[in-house]
Amino acid sequence: MSAYRSDQDLTVTDATGNGVEVDVATNLLNGTVRLSVLWTQEIYLHPDDAEQVAQSLLRAAEHGRRIAEARDPEPDQSPSSSD
C-alpha cells in the first residue's frame, strides 16, 4: 500500500501528444508533496494544463499542511500579554 494519494482531479498530459503525464500526490503519513512526471524527465504543457498543475500543487500543499499539523501541532506562538 502506498503512503501517497494522487490528485484525482489532475488529468494533464504532454502537449506534444507523446503520452507523458503529470502526477501530484500527498504523503498521507507526513504531508510531503510529490510532483512526478511519468514516463520521461520533462513535459511540455499548454498554458491551461500548466494552470491545472499549479492548482493541484496548491491543493496538495494545503492537504499536506493539515496532515503535518495533525501529526505535530505547533504550540501557540502568539505573544503573551503581561499586564
N, C-alpha and C. Protein backbone atom coordinates (compact mmCIF):
# COMPACT_ATOMS: atom_id res chain seq x y z
N MET A 1 0.84 -1.18 0.00
CA MET A 1 0.00 0.00 0.00
C MET A 1 0.88 1.24 0.00
N SER A 2 0.57 2.17 -0.86
CA SER A 2 1.34 3.40 -0.97
C SER A 2 0.89 4.41 0.07
N ALA A 3 1.85 5.18 0.57
CA ALA A 3 1.52 6.24 1.51
C ALA A 3 1.07 7.49 0.79
N TYR A 4 1.15 7.50 -0.53
CA TYR A 4 0.81 8.69 -1.32
C TYR A 4 -0.59 8.58 -1.91
N ARG A 5 -1.29 9.71 -1.91
CA ARG A 5 -2.60 9.78 -2.57
C ARG A 5 -2.51 10.81 -3.68
N SER A 6 -2.75 10.37 -4.91
CA SER A 6 -2.69 11.25 -6.06
C SER A 6 -3.93 12.13 -6.14
N ASP A 7 -3.77 13.29 -6.76
CA ASP A 7 -4.87 14.20 -7.02
C ASP A 7 -5.67 13.64 -8.19
N GLN A 8 -6.85 13.14 -7.91
CA GLN A 8 -7.68 12.51 -8.94
C GLN A 8 -8.27 13.53 -9.91
N ASP A 9 -8.26 14.82 -9.54
CA ASP A 9 -8.79 15.86 -10.42
C ASP A 9 -7.79 16.29 -11.48
N LEU A 10 -6.55 15.86 -11.37
CA LEU A 10 -5.50 16.26 -12.31
C LEU A 10 -5.37 15.22 -13.42
N THR A 11 -5.66 15.64 -14.64
CA THR A 11 -5.51 14.78 -15.81
C THR A 11 -4.80 15.59 -16.89
N VAL A 12 -3.47 15.70 -16.76
CA VAL A 12 -2.67 16.51 -17.66
C VAL A 12 -1.66 15.62 -18.36
N THR A 13 -1.61 15.75 -19.69
CA THR A 13 -0.63 15.02 -20.48
C THR A 13 0.17 16.01 -21.32
N ASP A 14 1.27 15.56 -21.86
CA ASP A 14 2.19 16.36 -22.64
C ASP A 14 1.52 16.97 -23.87
N ALA A 15 1.85 18.23 -24.14
CA ALA A 15 1.25 18.96 -25.27
C ALA A 15 1.66 18.38 -26.63
N THR A 16 2.76 17.63 -26.66
CA THR A 16 3.21 17.07 -27.94
C THR A 16 2.50 15.75 -28.27
N GLY A 17 1.68 15.25 -27.35
CA GLY A 17 0.92 14.04 -27.61
C GLY A 17 1.68 12.75 -27.43
N ASN A 18 2.79 12.78 -26.69
CA ASN A 18 3.59 11.56 -26.54
C ASN A 18 3.19 10.72 -25.33
N GLY A 19 2.11 11.10 -24.62
CA GLY A 19 1.60 10.27 -23.52
C GLY A 19 2.22 10.53 -22.17
N VAL A 20 3.14 11.48 -22.07
CA VAL A 20 3.74 11.80 -20.78
C VAL A 20 2.68 12.42 -19.88
N GLU A 21 2.67 12.04 -18.61
CA GLU A 21 1.67 12.51 -17.67
C GLU A 21 2.32 13.18 -16.46
N VAL A 22 1.53 14.01 -15.79
CA VAL A 22 1.95 14.65 -14.54
C VAL A 22 1.12 14.04 -13.41
N ASP A 23 1.77 13.81 -12.27
CA ASP A 23 1.07 13.32 -11.09
C ASP A 23 1.48 14.17 -9.90
N VAL A 24 0.50 14.63 -9.14
CA VAL A 24 0.75 15.33 -7.88
C VAL A 24 0.11 14.49 -6.79
N ALA A 25 0.90 14.16 -5.77
CA ALA A 25 0.39 13.29 -4.71
C ALA A 25 0.86 13.80 -3.35
N THR A 26 0.05 13.52 -2.33
CA THR A 26 0.37 13.91 -0.96
C THR A 26 0.66 12.66 -0.15
N ASN A 27 1.75 12.70 0.64
CA ASN A 27 2.07 11.60 1.53
C ASN A 27 1.12 11.67 2.72
N LEU A 28 0.31 10.65 2.92
CA LEU A 28 -0.69 10.65 3.97
C LEU A 28 -0.10 10.45 5.35
N LEU A 29 1.18 10.09 5.43
CA LEU A 29 1.82 9.89 6.73
C LEU A 29 2.49 11.15 7.27
N ASN A 30 3.12 11.92 6.36
CA ASN A 30 3.86 13.09 6.85
C ASN A 30 3.52 14.40 6.14
N GLY A 31 2.68 14.35 5.11
CA GLY A 31 2.23 15.57 4.46
C GLY A 31 3.11 16.10 3.34
N THR A 32 4.20 15.41 3.01
CA THR A 32 5.04 15.90 1.91
C THR A 32 4.30 15.74 0.58
N VAL A 33 4.64 16.59 -0.37
CA VAL A 33 4.00 16.60 -1.68
C VAL A 33 4.99 16.09 -2.72
N ARG A 34 4.52 15.18 -3.58
CA ARG A 34 5.35 14.62 -4.64
C ARG A 34 4.81 15.08 -5.98
N LEU A 35 5.70 15.65 -6.80
CA LEU A 35 5.37 16.01 -8.18
C LEU A 35 6.14 15.05 -9.08
N SER A 36 5.41 14.27 -9.87
CA SER A 36 6.04 13.28 -10.75
C SER A 36 5.70 13.59 -12.19
N VAL A 37 6.70 13.44 -13.05
CA VAL A 37 6.48 13.46 -14.49
C VAL A 37 6.71 12.01 -14.92
N LEU A 38 5.62 11.37 -15.34
CA LEU A 38 5.67 9.94 -15.62
C LEU A 38 6.10 9.65 -17.05
N TRP A 39 6.97 8.70 -17.19
CA TRP A 39 7.44 8.15 -18.46
C TRP A 39 8.57 8.95 -19.11
N THR A 40 9.04 10.05 -18.52
CA THR A 40 10.13 10.83 -19.09
C THR A 40 10.66 11.79 -18.02
N GLN A 41 11.62 12.62 -18.40
CA GLN A 41 12.17 13.59 -17.46
C GLN A 41 11.67 15.00 -17.70
N GLU A 42 10.89 15.21 -18.74
CA GLU A 42 10.37 16.56 -18.99
C GLU A 42 8.99 16.46 -19.63
N ILE A 43 8.26 17.55 -19.56
CA ILE A 43 6.93 17.60 -20.12
C ILE A 43 6.68 19.02 -20.65
N TYR A 44 5.97 19.10 -21.73
CA TYR A 44 5.59 20.38 -22.32
C TYR A 44 4.10 20.56 -22.10
N LEU A 45 3.70 21.68 -21.49
CA LEU A 45 2.31 21.89 -21.12
C LEU A 45 1.71 23.07 -21.86
N HIS A 46 0.44 22.93 -22.24
CA HIS A 46 -0.33 24.07 -22.71
C HIS A 46 -0.58 24.96 -21.49
N PRO A 47 -0.79 26.26 -21.67
CA PRO A 47 -1.00 27.15 -20.53
C PRO A 47 -2.13 26.69 -19.59
N ASP A 48 -3.23 26.22 -20.12
CA ASP A 48 -4.33 25.76 -19.26
C ASP A 48 -3.93 24.55 -18.44
N ASP A 49 -3.15 23.64 -19.03
CA ASP A 49 -2.67 22.48 -18.30
C ASP A 49 -1.68 22.88 -17.21
N ALA A 50 -0.82 23.84 -17.52
CA ALA A 50 0.13 24.32 -16.50
C ALA A 50 -0.63 24.90 -15.32
N GLU A 51 -1.72 25.59 -15.59
CA GLU A 51 -2.54 26.14 -14.50
C GLU A 51 -3.17 25.02 -13.68
N GLN A 52 -3.62 23.96 -14.35
CA GLN A 52 -4.18 22.82 -13.62
C GLN A 52 -3.15 22.19 -12.69
N VAL A 53 -1.91 22.07 -13.16
CA VAL A 53 -0.84 21.51 -12.32
C VAL A 53 -0.59 22.43 -11.12
N ALA A 54 -0.55 23.73 -11.36
CA ALA A 54 -0.35 24.68 -10.27
C ALA A 54 -1.46 24.58 -9.23
N GLN A 55 -2.70 24.49 -9.68
CA GLN A 55 -3.83 24.36 -8.75
C GLN A 55 -3.75 23.05 -7.98
N SER A 56 -3.34 21.99 -8.64
CA SER A 56 -3.19 20.70 -7.98
C SER A 56 -2.11 20.77 -6.90
N LEU A 57 -1.01 21.44 -7.21
CA LEU A 57 0.06 21.60 -6.21
C LEU A 57 -0.43 22.41 -5.01
N LEU A 58 -1.23 23.44 -5.26
CA LEU A 58 -1.78 24.23 -4.15
C LEU A 58 -2.70 23.38 -3.28
N ARG A 59 -3.55 22.56 -3.90
CA ARG A 59 -4.42 21.66 -3.12
C ARG A 59 -3.59 20.69 -2.30
N ALA A 60 -2.56 20.12 -2.92
CA ALA A 60 -1.70 19.17 -2.21
C ALA A 60 -0.95 19.84 -1.07
N ALA A 61 -0.49 21.06 -1.28
CA ALA A 61 0.21 21.78 -0.21
C ALA A 61 -0.70 22.00 0.99
N GLU A 62 -1.93 22.40 0.74
CA GLU A 62 -2.88 22.61 1.83
C GLU A 62 -3.18 21.29 2.55
N HIS A 63 -3.38 20.24 1.78
CA HIS A 63 -3.63 18.93 2.38
C HIS A 63 -2.42 18.48 3.21
N GLY A 64 -1.23 18.68 2.66
CA GLY A 64 -0.01 18.32 3.38
C GLY A 64 0.15 19.09 4.68
N ARG A 65 -0.19 20.38 4.66
CA ARG A 65 -0.12 21.18 5.89
C ARG A 65 -1.06 20.62 6.96
N ARG A 66 -2.27 20.26 6.55
CA ARG A 66 -3.23 19.71 7.52
C ARG A 66 -2.71 18.41 8.12
N ILE A 67 -2.11 17.56 7.29
CA ILE A 67 -1.55 16.30 7.79
C ILE A 67 -0.41 16.57 8.76
N ALA A 68 0.51 17.46 8.37
CA ALA A 68 1.66 17.77 9.21
C ALA A 68 1.22 18.40 10.54
N GLU A 69 0.23 19.29 10.49
CA GLU A 69 -0.24 19.92 11.73
C GLU A 69 -0.92 18.90 12.64
N ALA A 70 -1.61 17.95 12.07
CA ALA A 70 -2.26 16.92 12.87
C ALA A 70 -1.22 16.03 13.55
N ARG A 71 -0.10 15.80 12.88
CA ARG A 71 0.98 14.97 13.46
C ARG A 71 1.74 15.70 14.54
N ASP A 72 2.13 16.94 14.26
CA ASP A 72 2.97 17.73 15.16
C ASP A 72 2.39 19.13 15.34
N PRO A 73 1.32 19.26 16.11
CA PRO A 73 0.75 20.60 16.27
C PRO A 73 1.75 21.54 16.92
N GLU A 74 1.87 22.73 16.33
CA GLU A 74 2.78 23.72 16.88
C GLU A 74 2.14 24.38 18.09
N PRO A 75 2.92 24.67 19.11
CA PRO A 75 2.36 25.39 20.24
C PRO A 75 1.97 26.80 19.81
N ASP A 76 1.02 27.38 20.51
CA ASP A 76 0.59 28.74 20.22
C ASP A 76 1.77 29.68 20.37
N GLN A 77 2.10 30.38 19.28
CA GLN A 77 3.26 31.25 19.31
C GLN A 77 2.88 32.72 19.43
N SER A 78 1.63 32.98 19.82
CA SER A 78 1.22 34.36 19.99
C SER A 78 1.89 34.94 21.23
N PRO A 79 2.27 36.22 21.18
CA PRO A 79 2.93 36.83 22.34
C PRO A 79 2.00 36.85 23.54
N SER A 80 2.54 36.49 24.67
CA SER A 80 1.72 36.51 25.89
C SER A 80 1.70 37.93 26.44
N SER A 81 0.53 38.31 26.90
CA SER A 81 0.41 39.66 27.45
C SER A 81 0.75 39.63 28.93
N SER A 82 1.56 40.54 29.33
CA SER A 82 1.95 40.63 30.74
C SER A 82 1.50 41.98 31.26
N ASP A 83 0.22 42.09 31.60
CA ASP A 83 -0.32 43.35 32.10
C ASP A 83 -0.14 43.47 33.59
